[in-house]
Protein backbone atom coordinates (compact mmCIF):
# COMPACT_ATOMS: atom_id res chain seq x y z
CA UNK A 1 0.00 0.00 0.00
CA UNK A 2 1.43 3.44 -0.84
CA UNK A 3 2.44 5.46 2.21
CA UNK A 4 -0.19 8.16 1.62
CA UNK A 5 -3.19 5.81 1.89
CA UNK A 6 -4.79 4.98 5.19
CA UNK A 7 -5.60 1.35 5.87
CA UNK A 8 -9.30 0.67 5.41
CA UNK A 9 -11.20 0.48 8.68
CA UNK A 10 -13.50 -2.48 9.16
CA UNK A 11 -17.02 -1.96 7.88
CA UNK A 12 -19.79 -0.86 10.20
CA UNK A 13 -22.69 -3.29 10.38
CA UNK A 14 -26.15 -2.51 11.77
CA UNK A 15 -27.85 -5.56 13.22
CA UNK A 16 -29.89 -6.93 16.10
CA UNK A 17 -28.08 -6.89 19.42
CA UNK A 18 -26.98 -10.17 20.96
CA UNK A 19 -26.95 -11.26 24.61
CA UNK A 20 -23.21 -10.57 24.65
CA UNK A 21 -23.81 -6.94 23.64
CA UNK A 22 -25.96 -5.94 26.63
CA UNK A 23 -23.18 -4.79 28.98
CA UNK A 24 -21.59 -2.73 26.19
CA UNK A 25 -24.94 -1.18 25.28
CA UNK A 26 -25.59 -0.20 28.89
CA UNK A 27 -22.10 1.32 29.02
CA UNK A 28 -22.82 3.30 25.85
CA UNK A 29 -26.13 4.56 27.23
CA UNK A 30 -24.41 5.56 30.45
CA UNK A 31 -21.67 7.36 28.48
CA UNK A 32 -24.35 9.19 26.46
CA UNK A 33 -26.29 10.24 29.57
CA UNK A 34 -29.40 8.26 28.65
CA UNK A 35 -29.84 6.34 31.89
CA UNK A 36 -32.56 7.82 34.10
CA UNK A 37 -33.66 6.62 37.56
CA UNK A 38 -37.28 6.31 36.44
CA UNK A 39 -36.42 3.96 33.53
CA UNK A 40 -34.95 0.54 34.20
CA UNK A 41 -32.72 0.08 31.15
CA UNK A 42 -32.36 -3.68 31.61
CA UNK A 43 -36.13 -4.10 31.75
CA UNK A 44 -36.48 -1.89 28.66
CA UNK A 45 -33.91 -4.02 26.80
CA UNK A 46 -35.60 -7.29 27.77
CA UNK A 47 -39.01 -5.92 26.78
CA UNK A 48 -37.73 -4.70 23.39
CA UNK A 49 -36.07 -8.04 22.60
CA UNK A 50 -38.93 -10.34 23.56
CA UNK A 51 -41.48 -9.69 20.86
CA UNK A 52 -41.86 -9.19 17.12
CA UNK A 53 -42.96 -5.54 17.42
CA UNK A 54 -39.63 -4.19 18.63
CA UNK A 55 -35.89 -4.63 18.29
CA UNK A 56 -32.63 -3.49 19.84
CA UNK A 57 -30.34 -2.44 16.99
CA UNK A 58 -26.61 -1.77 17.18
CA UNK A 59 -24.08 -0.31 14.77
CA UNK A 60 -20.86 -2.21 15.31
CA UNK A 61 -17.35 -2.21 13.98
CA UNK A 62 -15.78 -5.48 14.99
CA UNK A 63 -16.45 -5.93 18.71
CA UNK A 64 -17.11 -2.21 19.30
CA UNK A 65 -20.67 -0.91 19.56
CA UNK A 66 -20.67 2.61 18.16
CA UNK A 67 -24.41 3.34 18.16
CA UNK A 68 -27.65 1.76 19.29
CA UNK A 69 -31.37 2.27 19.71
CA UNK A 70 -34.59 0.53 20.53
CA UNK A 71 -37.22 0.63 17.77
CA UNK A 72 -40.77 -0.59 18.02
CA UNK A 73 -44.34 -0.07 16.97
CA UNK A 74 -47.86 -0.49 18.26
CA UNK A 75 -49.25 -1.70 14.95
CA UNK A 76 -49.94 1.85 13.82
CA UNK A 77 -47.01 4.16 14.64
CA UNK A 78 -43.37 3.53 15.35
CA UNK A 79 -41.10 4.93 18.02
CA UNK A 80 -37.41 4.93 18.91
CA UNK A 81 -35.82 5.04 22.34
CA UNK A 82 -32.29 5.20 23.74
CA UNK A 83 -30.88 6.57 20.47
CA UNK A 84 -27.15 6.69 21.20
CA UNK A 85 -23.87 7.32 19.41
CA UNK A 86 -20.58 6.92 21.22
CA UNK A 87 -19.41 10.50 21.96
CA UNK A 88 -15.95 9.58 20.63
CA UNK A 89 -17.53 8.84 17.22
CA UNK A 90 -20.19 11.55 16.95
CA UNK A 91 -20.18 13.60 13.77
CA UNK A 92 -19.27 10.60 11.60
CA UNK A 93 -22.80 9.85 10.34
CA UNK A 94 -23.56 7.08 12.84
CA UNK A 95 -26.72 8.79 14.14
CA UNK A 96 -28.05 9.02 10.61
CA UNK A 97 -27.03 5.39 9.98
CA UNK A 98 -28.79 3.96 13.06
CA UNK A 99 -31.92 6.10 12.48
CA UNK A 100 -32.09 4.99 8.84
CA UNK A 101 -31.87 1.38 10.05
CA UNK A 102 -34.78 2.02 12.47
CA UNK A 103 -36.85 3.63 9.72
CA UNK A 104 -36.12 0.70 7.39
CA UNK A 105 -37.06 -1.78 10.13
CA UNK A 106 -40.39 0.02 10.63
CA UNK A 107 -41.11 0.20 6.89
CA UNK A 108 -40.48 -3.56 6.66
CA UNK A 109 -43.09 -3.99 9.44
CA UNK A 110 -45.64 -1.98 7.42
CA UNK A 111 -45.43 1.08 9.70
CA UNK A 112 -45.79 4.47 7.98
CA UNK A 113 -45.02 7.01 10.72
CA UNK A 114 -42.36 7.33 13.41
CA UNK A 115 -42.98 9.43 16.51
CA UNK A 116 -40.11 10.85 18.56
CA UNK A 117 -40.02 12.20 22.08
CA UNK A 118 -37.18 14.66 22.68
CA UNK A 119 -36.65 16.76 25.78
CA UNK A 120 -37.31 20.41 24.85
CA UNK A 121 -34.02 21.43 26.46
CA UNK A 122 -32.02 19.13 24.15
CA UNK A 123 -31.61 21.62 21.30
CA UNK A 124 -28.66 19.88 19.62
CA UNK A 125 -30.63 16.64 19.32
CA UNK A 126 -33.65 18.53 18.02
CA UNK A 127 -31.38 20.04 15.35
CA UNK A 128 -30.10 16.57 14.43
CA UNK A 129 -33.62 15.21 13.96
CA UNK A 130 -34.60 18.32 12.00
CA UNK A 131 -31.71 17.55 9.61
CA UNK A 132 -33.24 14.08 9.09
CA UNK A 133 -36.62 15.55 8.14
CA UNK A 134 -38.43 15.26 11.47
CA UNK A 135 -40.67 18.11 12.55
CA UNK A 136 -42.92 19.12 15.39
CA UNK A 137 -46.53 17.89 15.26
CA UNK A 138 -49.45 19.88 16.53
CA UNK A 139 -49.98 17.41 19.37
CA UNK A 140 -49.28 17.32 23.07
CA UNK A 141 -47.81 14.09 24.45
CA UNK A 142 -49.56 12.98 27.62
CA UNK A 143 -48.54 10.05 29.79
CA UNK A 144 -49.57 8.07 32.82
CA UNK A 145 -47.25 5.74 34.72
CA UNK A 146 -48.99 2.37 35.07
CA UNK A 147 -46.42 0.85 37.41
CA UNK A 148 -44.25 2.34 40.15
CA UNK A 149 -40.89 3.74 39.10
CA UNK A 150 -38.29 0.96 39.18
CA UNK A 151 -34.84 1.27 40.70
CA UNK A 152 -31.86 1.04 38.39
CA UNK A 153 -30.06 -2.28 38.47
CA UNK A 154 -26.37 -1.84 37.80
CA UNK A 155 -25.65 -5.54 37.12
CA UNK A 156 -26.04 -6.16 33.34
CA UNK A 157 -26.58 -9.91 33.81
C-alpha atoms as a PDB file:
ATOM      1  CA  UNK A   1       0.000   0.000   0.000  1.00  0.00           C
ATOM      2  CA  UNK A   2       1.433   3.443  -0.839  1.00  0.00           C
ATOM      3  CA  UNK A   3       2.439   5.458   2.207  1.00  0.00           C
ATOM      4  CA  UNK A   4      -0.186   8.165   1.615  1.00  0.00           C
ATOM      5  CA  UNK A   5      -3.191   5.811   1.891  1.00  0.00           C
ATOM      6  CA  UNK A   6      -4.793   4.983   5.195  1.00  0.00           C
ATOM      7  CA  UNK A   7      -5.602   1.349   5.872  1.00  0.00           C
ATOM      8  CA  UNK A   8      -9.302   0.674   5.413  1.00  0.00           C
ATOM      9  CA  UNK A   9     -11.197   0.476   8.679  1.00  0.00           C
ATOM     10  CA  UNK A  10     -13.497  -2.485   9.165  1.00  0.00           C
ATOM     11  CA  UNK A  11     -17.017  -1.961   7.880  1.00  0.00           C
ATOM     12  CA  UNK A  12     -19.789  -0.857  10.202  1.00  0.00           C
ATOM     13  CA  UNK A  13     -22.695  -3.289  10.385  1.00  0.00           C
ATOM     14  CA  UNK A  14     -26.145  -2.513  11.772  1.00  0.00           C
ATOM     15  CA  UNK A  15     -27.851  -5.565  13.224  1.00  0.00           C
ATOM     16  CA  UNK A  16     -29.891  -6.932  16.100  1.00  0.00           C
ATOM     17  CA  UNK A  17     -28.075  -6.893  19.422  1.00  0.00           C
ATOM     18  CA  UNK A  18     -26.978 -10.174  20.959  1.00  0.00           C
ATOM     19  CA  UNK A  19     -26.948 -11.255  24.609  1.00  0.00           C
ATOM     20  CA  UNK A  20     -23.207 -10.572  24.647  1.00  0.00           C
ATOM     21  CA  UNK A  21     -23.808  -6.935  23.641  1.00  0.00           C
ATOM     22  CA  UNK A  22     -25.963  -5.940  26.627  1.00  0.00           C
ATOM     23  CA  UNK A  23     -23.184  -4.792  28.978  1.00  0.00           C
ATOM     24  CA  UNK A  24     -21.591  -2.726  26.189  1.00  0.00           C
ATOM     25  CA  UNK A  25     -24.939  -1.177  25.277  1.00  0.00           C
ATOM     26  CA  UNK A  26     -25.589  -0.198  28.892  1.00  0.00           C
ATOM     27  CA  UNK A  27     -22.103   1.321  29.023  1.00  0.00           C
ATOM     28  CA  UNK A  28     -22.823   3.296  25.853  1.00  0.00           C
ATOM     29  CA  UNK A  29     -26.131   4.560  27.225  1.00  0.00           C
ATOM     30  CA  UNK A  30     -24.413   5.564  30.454  1.00  0.00           C
ATOM     31  CA  UNK A  31     -21.675   7.364  28.483  1.00  0.00           C
ATOM     32  CA  UNK A  32     -24.355   9.185  26.457  1.00  0.00           C
ATOM     33  CA  UNK A  33     -26.288  10.240  29.573  1.00  0.00           C
ATOM     34  CA  UNK A  34     -29.405   8.265  28.645  1.00  0.00           C
ATOM     35  CA  UNK A  35     -29.844   6.338  31.892  1.00  0.00           C
ATOM     36  CA  UNK A  36     -32.564   7.821  34.096  1.00  0.00           C
ATOM     37  CA  UNK A  37     -33.658   6.621  37.557  1.00  0.00           C
ATOM     38  CA  UNK A  38     -37.280   6.314  36.439  1.00  0.00           C
ATOM     39  CA  UNK A  39     -36.425   3.964  33.529  1.00  0.00           C
ATOM     40  CA  UNK A  40     -34.952   0.536  34.201  1.00  0.00           C
ATOM     41  CA  UNK A  41     -32.717   0.085  31.149  1.00  0.00           C
ATOM     42  CA  UNK A  42     -32.365  -3.684  31.607  1.00  0.00           C
ATOM     43  CA  UNK A  43     -36.130  -4.100  31.752  1.00  0.00           C
ATOM     44  CA  UNK A  44     -36.482  -1.895  28.659  1.00  0.00           C
ATOM     45  CA  UNK A  45     -33.913  -4.019  26.798  1.00  0.00           C
ATOM     46  CA  UNK A  46     -35.598  -7.293  27.768  1.00  0.00           C
ATOM     47  CA  UNK A  47     -39.009  -5.919  26.779  1.00  0.00           C
ATOM     48  CA  UNK A  48     -37.730  -4.705  23.387  1.00  0.00           C
ATOM     49  CA  UNK A  49     -36.073  -8.035  22.604  1.00  0.00           C
ATOM     50  CA  UNK A  50     -38.933 -10.339  23.564  1.00  0.00           C
ATOM     51  CA  UNK A  51     -41.483  -9.692  20.860  1.00  0.00           C
ATOM     52  CA  UNK A  52     -41.856  -9.189  17.120  1.00  0.00           C
ATOM     53  CA  UNK A  53     -42.965  -5.540  17.420  1.00  0.00           C
ATOM     54  CA  UNK A  54     -39.629  -4.189  18.633  1.00  0.00           C
ATOM     55  CA  UNK A  55     -35.890  -4.626  18.288  1.00  0.00           C
ATOM     56  CA  UNK A  56     -32.631  -3.488  19.842  1.00  0.00           C
ATOM     57  CA  UNK A  57     -30.336  -2.445  16.991  1.00  0.00           C
ATOM     58  CA  UNK A  58     -26.610  -1.768  17.176  1.00  0.00           C
ATOM     59  CA  UNK A  59     -24.079  -0.315  14.771  1.00  0.00           C
ATOM     60  CA  UNK A  60     -20.862  -2.207  15.313  1.00  0.00           C
ATOM     61  CA  UNK A  61     -17.354  -2.209  13.984  1.00  0.00           C
ATOM     62  CA  UNK A  62     -15.783  -5.478  14.986  1.00  0.00           C
ATOM     63  CA  UNK A  63     -16.447  -5.926  18.707  1.00  0.00           C
ATOM     64  CA  UNK A  64     -17.110  -2.211  19.295  1.00  0.00           C
ATOM     65  CA  UNK A  65     -20.669  -0.908  19.561  1.00  0.00           C
ATOM     66  CA  UNK A  66     -20.665   2.609  18.158  1.00  0.00           C
ATOM     67  CA  UNK A  67     -24.407   3.336  18.163  1.00  0.00           C
ATOM     68  CA  UNK A  68     -27.645   1.758  19.290  1.00  0.00           C
ATOM     69  CA  UNK A  69     -31.371   2.269  19.706  1.00  0.00           C
ATOM     70  CA  UNK A  70     -34.590   0.528  20.528  1.00  0.00           C
ATOM     71  CA  UNK A  71     -37.217   0.631  17.772  1.00  0.00           C
ATOM     72  CA  UNK A  72     -40.773  -0.586  18.022  1.00  0.00           C
ATOM     73  CA  UNK A  73     -44.344  -0.073  16.967  1.00  0.00           C
ATOM     74  CA  UNK A  74     -47.857  -0.487  18.261  1.00  0.00           C
ATOM     75  CA  UNK A  75     -49.254  -1.705  14.946  1.00  0.00           C
ATOM     76  CA  UNK A  76     -49.943   1.848  13.821  1.00  0.00           C
ATOM     77  CA  UNK A  77     -47.008   4.157  14.644  1.00  0.00           C
ATOM     78  CA  UNK A  78     -43.367   3.532  15.350  1.00  0.00           C
ATOM     79  CA  UNK A  79     -41.102   4.931  18.024  1.00  0.00           C
ATOM     80  CA  UNK A  80     -37.413   4.926  18.911  1.00  0.00           C
ATOM     81  CA  UNK A  81     -35.822   5.045  22.341  1.00  0.00           C
ATOM     82  CA  UNK A  82     -32.292   5.202  23.736  1.00  0.00           C
ATOM     83  CA  UNK A  83     -30.878   6.568  20.473  1.00  0.00           C
ATOM     84  CA  UNK A  84     -27.151   6.690  21.197  1.00  0.00           C
ATOM     85  CA  UNK A  85     -23.873   7.325  19.411  1.00  0.00           C
ATOM     86  CA  UNK A  86     -20.581   6.924  21.216  1.00  0.00           C
ATOM     87  CA  UNK A  87     -19.410  10.501  21.960  1.00  0.00           C
ATOM     88  CA  UNK A  88     -15.954   9.577  20.631  1.00  0.00           C
ATOM     89  CA  UNK A  89     -17.530   8.841  17.224  1.00  0.00           C
ATOM     90  CA  UNK A  90     -20.187  11.546  16.953  1.00  0.00           C
ATOM     91  CA  UNK A  91     -20.181  13.601  13.772  1.00  0.00           C
ATOM     92  CA  UNK A  92     -19.266  10.600  11.599  1.00  0.00           C
ATOM     93  CA  UNK A  93     -22.795   9.847  10.341  1.00  0.00           C
ATOM     94  CA  UNK A  94     -23.565   7.084  12.841  1.00  0.00           C
ATOM     95  CA  UNK A  95     -26.716   8.785  14.139  1.00  0.00           C
ATOM     96  CA  UNK A  96     -28.054   9.016  10.608  1.00  0.00           C
ATOM     97  CA  UNK A  97     -27.034   5.386   9.981  1.00  0.00           C
ATOM     98  CA  UNK A  98     -28.790   3.962  13.057  1.00  0.00           C
ATOM     99  CA  UNK A  99     -31.922   6.099  12.485  1.00  0.00           C
ATOM    100  CA  UNK A 100     -32.089   4.987   8.838  1.00  0.00           C
ATOM    101  CA  UNK A 101     -31.871   1.379  10.055  1.00  0.00           C
ATOM    102  CA  UNK A 102     -34.778   2.022  12.465  1.00  0.00           C
ATOM    103  CA  UNK A 103     -36.853   3.632   9.719  1.00  0.00           C
ATOM    104  CA  UNK A 104     -36.121   0.705   7.395  1.00  0.00           C
ATOM    105  CA  UNK A 105     -37.059  -1.779  10.128  1.00  0.00           C
ATOM    106  CA  UNK A 106     -40.389   0.025  10.633  1.00  0.00           C
ATOM    107  CA  UNK A 107     -41.109   0.202   6.891  1.00  0.00           C
ATOM    108  CA  UNK A 108     -40.480  -3.556   6.658  1.00  0.00           C
ATOM    109  CA  UNK A 109     -43.090  -3.991   9.436  1.00  0.00           C
ATOM    110  CA  UNK A 110     -45.638  -1.984   7.424  1.00  0.00           C
ATOM    111  CA  UNK A 111     -45.434   1.079   9.698  1.00  0.00           C
ATOM    112  CA  UNK A 112     -45.794   4.465   7.979  1.00  0.00           C
ATOM    113  CA  UNK A 113     -45.022   7.007  10.716  1.00  0.00           C
ATOM    114  CA  UNK A 114     -42.359   7.328  13.405  1.00  0.00           C
ATOM    115  CA  UNK A 115     -42.978   9.427  16.507  1.00  0.00           C
ATOM    116  CA  UNK A 116     -40.109  10.848  18.556  1.00  0.00           C
ATOM    117  CA  UNK A 117     -40.017  12.196  22.077  1.00  0.00           C
ATOM    118  CA  UNK A 118     -37.178  14.658  22.679  1.00  0.00           C
ATOM    119  CA  UNK A 119     -36.648  16.764  25.776  1.00  0.00           C
ATOM    120  CA  UNK A 120     -37.314  20.407  24.852  1.00  0.00           C
ATOM    121  CA  UNK A 121     -34.021  21.425  26.457  1.00  0.00           C
ATOM    122  CA  UNK A 122     -32.020  19.129  24.148  1.00  0.00           C
ATOM    123  CA  UNK A 123     -31.611  21.621  21.305  1.00  0.00           C
ATOM    124  CA  UNK A 124     -28.658  19.880  19.624  1.00  0.00           C
ATOM    125  CA  UNK A 125     -30.626  16.644  19.321  1.00  0.00           C
ATOM    126  CA  UNK A 126     -33.652  18.532  18.023  1.00  0.00           C
ATOM    127  CA  UNK A 127     -31.380  20.044  15.354  1.00  0.00           C
ATOM    128  CA  UNK A 128     -30.101  16.575  14.427  1.00  0.00           C
ATOM    129  CA  UNK A 129     -33.623  15.207  13.960  1.00  0.00           C
ATOM    130  CA  UNK A 130     -34.597  18.319  12.003  1.00  0.00           C
ATOM    131  CA  UNK A 131     -31.710  17.547   9.605  1.00  0.00           C
ATOM    132  CA  UNK A 132     -33.241  14.075   9.087  1.00  0.00           C
ATOM    133  CA  UNK A 133     -36.621  15.547   8.137  1.00  0.00           C
ATOM    134  CA  UNK A 134     -38.434  15.262  11.473  1.00  0.00           C
ATOM    135  CA  UNK A 135     -40.667  18.108  12.554  1.00  0.00           C
ATOM    136  CA  UNK A 136     -42.920  19.118  15.390  1.00  0.00           C
ATOM    137  CA  UNK A 137     -46.528  17.892  15.261  1.00  0.00           C
ATOM    138  CA  UNK A 138     -49.450  19.883  16.533  1.00  0.00           C
ATOM    139  CA  UNK A 139     -49.979  17.405  19.373  1.00  0.00           C
ATOM    140  CA  UNK A 140     -49.283  17.322  23.075  1.00  0.00           C
ATOM    141  CA  UNK A 141     -47.812  14.094  24.451  1.00  0.00           C
ATOM    142  CA  UNK A 142     -49.558  12.982  27.621  1.00  0.00           C
ATOM    143  CA  UNK A 143     -48.541  10.053  29.788  1.00  0.00           C
ATOM    144  CA  UNK A 144     -49.573   8.066  32.817  1.00  0.00           C
ATOM    145  CA  UNK A 145     -47.251   5.739  34.722  1.00  0.00           C
ATOM    146  CA  UNK A 146     -48.989   2.366  35.071  1.00  0.00           C
ATOM    147  CA  UNK A 147     -46.416   0.846  37.414  1.00  0.00           C
ATOM    148  CA  UNK A 148     -44.248   2.341  40.154  1.00  0.00           C
ATOM    149  CA  UNK A 149     -40.895   3.742  39.098  1.00  0.00           C
ATOM    150  CA  UNK A 150     -38.295   0.957  39.182  1.00  0.00           C
ATOM    151  CA  UNK A 151     -34.845   1.274  40.703  1.00  0.00           C
ATOM    152  CA  UNK A 152     -31.856   1.043  38.385  1.00  0.00           C
ATOM    153  CA  UNK A 153     -30.059  -2.275  38.466  1.00  0.00           C
ATOM    154  CA  UNK A 154     -26.371  -1.844  37.803  1.00  0.00           C
ATOM    155  CA  UNK A 155     -25.654  -5.537  37.118  1.00  0.00           C
ATOM    156  CA  UNK A 156     -26.043  -6.164  33.344  1.00  0.00           C
ATOM    157  CA  UNK A 157     -26.580  -9.906  33.814  1.00  0.00           C
END
